[in-house]
């Protein structure tokens, strides 16, 4: 199943790398990533992932990352 997440991520050094690493470690394949500045200290990240695993597990783990402010399942 393919899912799109919208993530509000702090513009901190290594934040995007930590997000993508977590996604891979949890067994999700990253199909696309778009990160655009959304203010001085924030990225708006659109992450498309694919896996047979429940998306809720990934969303829960992403919310635990220090640099993540908000996660939404877009579709």
N, C-alpha and C. Protein backbone atom coordinates (compact mmCIF):
# COMPACT_ATOMS: atom_id res chain seq x y z
N UNK A 1 0.84 -1.18 0.00
CA UNK A 1 0.00 0.00 0.00
C UNK A 1 0.89 1.25 0.00
N UNK A 2 0.51 2.26 -0.74
CA UNK A 2 1.24 3.52 -0.81
C UNK A 2 0.51 4.57 0.00
N UNK A 3 1.27 5.30 0.82
CA UNK A 3 0.70 6.35 1.68
C UNK A 3 1.54 7.61 1.58
N UNK A 4 0.88 8.75 1.73
CA UNK A 4 1.55 10.04 1.72
C UNK A 4 1.42 10.67 3.10
N UNK A 5 2.55 11.08 3.65
CA UNK A 5 2.58 11.76 4.93
C UNK A 5 3.05 13.19 4.73
N UNK A 6 2.48 14.11 5.47
CA UNK A 6 2.95 15.49 5.52
C UNK A 6 3.52 15.71 6.91
N UNK A 7 4.78 16.14 6.96
CA UNK A 7 5.51 16.25 8.21
C UNK A 7 6.06 17.66 8.36
N UNK A 8 5.82 18.26 9.50
CA UNK A 8 6.41 19.56 9.84
C UNK A 8 7.67 19.26 10.63
N UNK A 9 8.82 19.58 10.04
CA UNK A 9 10.12 19.17 10.56
C UNK A 9 11.00 20.39 10.80
N UNK A 10 11.61 20.46 11.95
CA UNK A 10 12.54 21.55 12.25
C UNK A 10 13.70 21.53 11.26
N UNK A 11 14.19 22.71 10.92
CA UNK A 11 15.33 22.81 10.00
C UNK A 11 16.63 22.67 10.78
N UNK A 12 16.78 21.55 11.45
CA UNK A 12 17.98 21.27 12.24
C UNK A 12 18.91 20.36 11.43
N UNK A 13 20.18 20.46 11.72
CA UNK A 13 21.16 19.62 11.04
C UNK A 13 20.86 18.14 11.29
N UNK A 14 20.73 17.37 10.23
CA UNK A 14 20.51 15.94 10.33
C UNK A 14 19.07 15.51 10.53
N UNK A 15 18.14 16.44 10.65
CA UNK A 15 16.74 16.09 10.92
C UNK A 15 16.15 15.26 9.79
N UNK A 16 16.39 15.64 8.56
CA UNK A 16 15.83 14.91 7.42
C UNK A 16 16.45 13.52 7.32
N UNK A 17 17.73 13.41 7.58
CA UNK A 17 18.42 12.12 7.55
C UNK A 17 17.85 11.19 8.62
N UNK A 18 17.60 11.72 9.81
CA UNK A 18 17.01 10.91 10.88
C UNK A 18 15.62 10.42 10.50
N UNK A 19 14.84 11.28 9.88
CA UNK A 19 13.49 10.91 9.44
C UNK A 19 13.54 9.78 8.42
N UNK A 20 14.39 9.91 7.42
CA UNK A 20 14.47 8.89 6.38
C UNK A 20 15.06 7.58 6.92
N UNK A 21 16.02 7.68 7.82
CA UNK A 21 16.60 6.48 8.42
C UNK A 21 15.57 5.71 9.23
N UNK A 22 14.77 6.43 10.00
CA UNK A 22 13.72 5.79 10.78
C UNK A 22 12.71 5.09 9.87
N UNK A 23 12.35 5.75 8.80
CA UNK A 23 11.40 5.17 7.84
C UNK A 23 11.92 3.85 7.29
N UNK A 24 13.17 3.82 6.92
CA UNK A 24 13.77 2.60 6.37
C UNK A 24 13.88 1.50 7.44
N UNK A 25 14.32 1.86 8.64
CA UNK A 25 14.48 0.88 9.71
C UNK A 25 13.15 0.24 10.11
N UNK A 26 12.05 0.95 9.95
CA UNK A 26 10.72 0.43 10.29
C UNK A 26 10.11 -0.40 9.17
N UNK A 27 10.86 -0.61 8.09
CA UNK A 27 10.41 -1.51 7.02
C UNK A 27 9.57 -0.86 5.95
N UNK A 28 9.63 0.47 5.83
CA UNK A 28 8.88 1.18 4.79
C UNK A 28 9.84 1.61 3.69
N UNK A 29 9.41 1.46 2.46
CA UNK A 29 10.20 1.93 1.32
C UNK A 29 9.80 3.36 1.02
N UNK A 30 10.79 4.22 0.87
CA UNK A 30 10.54 5.61 0.52
C UNK A 30 10.44 5.72 -0.99
N UNK A 31 9.28 6.16 -1.47
CA UNK A 31 9.07 6.31 -2.91
C UNK A 31 9.40 7.71 -3.39
N UNK A 32 9.09 8.72 -2.55
CA UNK A 32 9.44 10.10 -2.90
C UNK A 32 9.50 10.95 -1.65
N UNK A 33 10.34 11.99 -1.73
CA UNK A 33 10.48 12.95 -0.64
C UNK A 33 10.55 14.34 -1.25
N UNK A 34 9.75 15.24 -0.73
CA UNK A 34 9.82 16.64 -1.11
C UNK A 34 9.89 17.45 0.17
N UNK A 35 10.92 18.26 0.30
CA UNK A 35 11.08 19.10 1.49
C UNK A 35 11.23 20.55 1.03
N UNK A 36 10.31 21.39 1.48
CA UNK A 36 10.35 22.80 1.11
C UNK A 36 10.36 23.65 2.38
N UNK A 37 11.08 24.76 2.36
CA UNK A 37 11.08 25.63 3.53
C UNK A 37 9.68 26.17 3.81
N UNK A 38 9.32 26.17 5.07
CA UNK A 38 8.01 26.70 5.49
C UNK A 38 8.26 27.63 6.66
N UNK A 39 8.99 28.67 6.40
CA UNK A 39 9.38 29.59 7.46
C UNK A 39 10.87 29.45 7.74
N UNK A 40 11.32 30.23 8.66
CA UNK A 40 12.75 30.29 8.95
C UNK A 40 13.29 29.02 9.60
N UNK A 41 12.49 28.37 10.42
CA UNK A 41 12.97 27.24 11.20
C UNK A 41 12.24 25.94 10.91
N UNK A 42 11.56 25.85 9.76
CA UNK A 42 10.69 24.70 9.53
C UNK A 42 10.74 24.24 8.08
N UNK A 43 10.72 22.92 7.89
CA UNK A 43 10.53 22.30 6.58
C UNK A 43 9.15 21.69 6.55
N UNK A 44 8.52 21.71 5.40
CA UNK A 44 7.30 20.96 5.16
C UNK A 44 7.72 19.79 4.27
N UNK A 45 7.63 18.59 4.80
CA UNK A 45 8.10 17.40 4.10
C UNK A 45 6.90 16.57 3.66
N UNK A 46 6.88 16.23 2.37
CA UNK A 46 5.88 15.30 1.84
C UNK A 46 6.63 14.00 1.56
N UNK A 47 6.25 12.96 2.29
CA UNK A 47 6.95 11.68 2.23
C UNK A 47 5.97 10.61 1.75
N UNK A 48 6.29 9.99 0.62
CA UNK A 48 5.47 8.89 0.11
C UNK A 48 6.19 7.60 0.42
N UNK A 49 5.49 6.70 1.13
CA UNK A 49 6.07 5.44 1.55
C UNK A 49 5.20 4.28 1.08
N UNK A 50 5.82 3.09 1.05
CA UNK A 50 5.09 1.89 0.66
C UNK A 50 5.53 0.75 1.57
N UNK A 51 4.54 -0.02 2.05
CA UNK A 51 4.82 -1.21 2.86
C UNK A 51 3.53 -1.96 3.10
N UNK A 52 3.68 -3.20 3.53
CA UNK A 52 2.53 -4.01 3.91
C UNK A 52 2.24 -3.86 5.39
N UNK A 53 3.03 -3.07 6.08
CA UNK A 53 2.89 -2.87 7.51
C UNK A 53 1.89 -1.75 7.79
N UNK A 54 1.30 -1.73 8.99
CA UNK A 54 0.37 -0.65 9.35
C UNK A 54 1.08 0.71 9.42
N UNK A 55 0.50 1.70 8.78
CA UNK A 55 1.09 3.04 8.74
C UNK A 55 1.10 3.68 10.13
N UNK A 56 0.14 3.34 10.96
CA UNK A 56 0.08 3.93 12.30
C UNK A 56 1.34 3.72 13.11
N UNK A 57 2.00 2.58 12.93
CA UNK A 57 3.25 2.32 13.64
C UNK A 57 4.32 3.33 13.23
N UNK A 58 4.42 3.59 11.94
CA UNK A 58 5.41 4.55 11.46
C UNK A 58 5.09 5.96 11.94
N UNK A 59 3.84 6.36 11.86
CA UNK A 59 3.44 7.69 12.31
C UNK A 59 3.78 7.87 13.79
N UNK A 60 3.53 6.85 14.59
CA UNK A 60 3.84 6.92 16.02
C UNK A 60 5.33 7.11 16.25
N UNK A 61 6.15 6.37 15.52
CA UNK A 61 7.60 6.48 15.67
C UNK A 61 8.12 7.84 15.17
N UNK A 62 7.58 8.33 14.07
CA UNK A 62 8.00 9.64 13.55
C UNK A 62 7.67 10.74 14.57
N UNK A 63 6.51 10.63 15.20
CA UNK A 63 6.13 11.63 16.22
C UNK A 63 7.10 11.68 17.39
N UNK A 64 7.82 10.61 17.63
CA UNK A 64 8.78 10.56 18.73
C UNK A 64 10.09 11.29 18.42
N UNK A 65 10.36 11.54 17.13
CA UNK A 65 11.59 12.24 16.76
C UNK A 65 11.56 13.66 17.30
N UNK A 66 12.66 14.09 17.85
CA UNK A 66 12.76 15.39 18.49
C UNK A 66 12.42 16.54 17.55
N UNK A 67 12.83 16.45 16.29
CA UNK A 67 12.67 17.56 15.34
C UNK A 67 11.31 17.61 14.67
N UNK A 68 10.46 16.63 14.94
CA UNK A 68 9.14 16.58 14.30
C UNK A 68 8.13 17.34 15.14
N UNK A 69 7.41 18.25 14.49
CA UNK A 69 6.39 19.03 15.17
C UNK A 69 4.99 18.49 14.91
N UNK A 70 4.78 17.89 13.72
CA UNK A 70 3.45 17.40 13.38
C UNK A 70 3.56 16.40 12.23
N UNK A 71 2.72 15.36 12.27
CA UNK A 71 2.65 14.38 11.19
C UNK A 71 1.19 14.18 10.83
N UNK A 72 0.88 14.20 9.54
CA UNK A 72 -0.48 13.97 9.07
C UNK A 72 -0.45 12.98 7.92
N UNK A 73 -1.38 12.03 7.94
CA UNK A 73 -1.55 11.16 6.79
C UNK A 73 -2.41 11.92 5.78
N UNK A 74 -1.87 12.14 4.60
CA UNK A 74 -2.56 12.92 3.58
C UNK A 74 -3.48 12.05 2.74
N UNK A 75 -3.04 10.85 2.43
CA UNK A 75 -3.91 9.90 1.70
C UNK A 75 -3.46 8.51 1.98
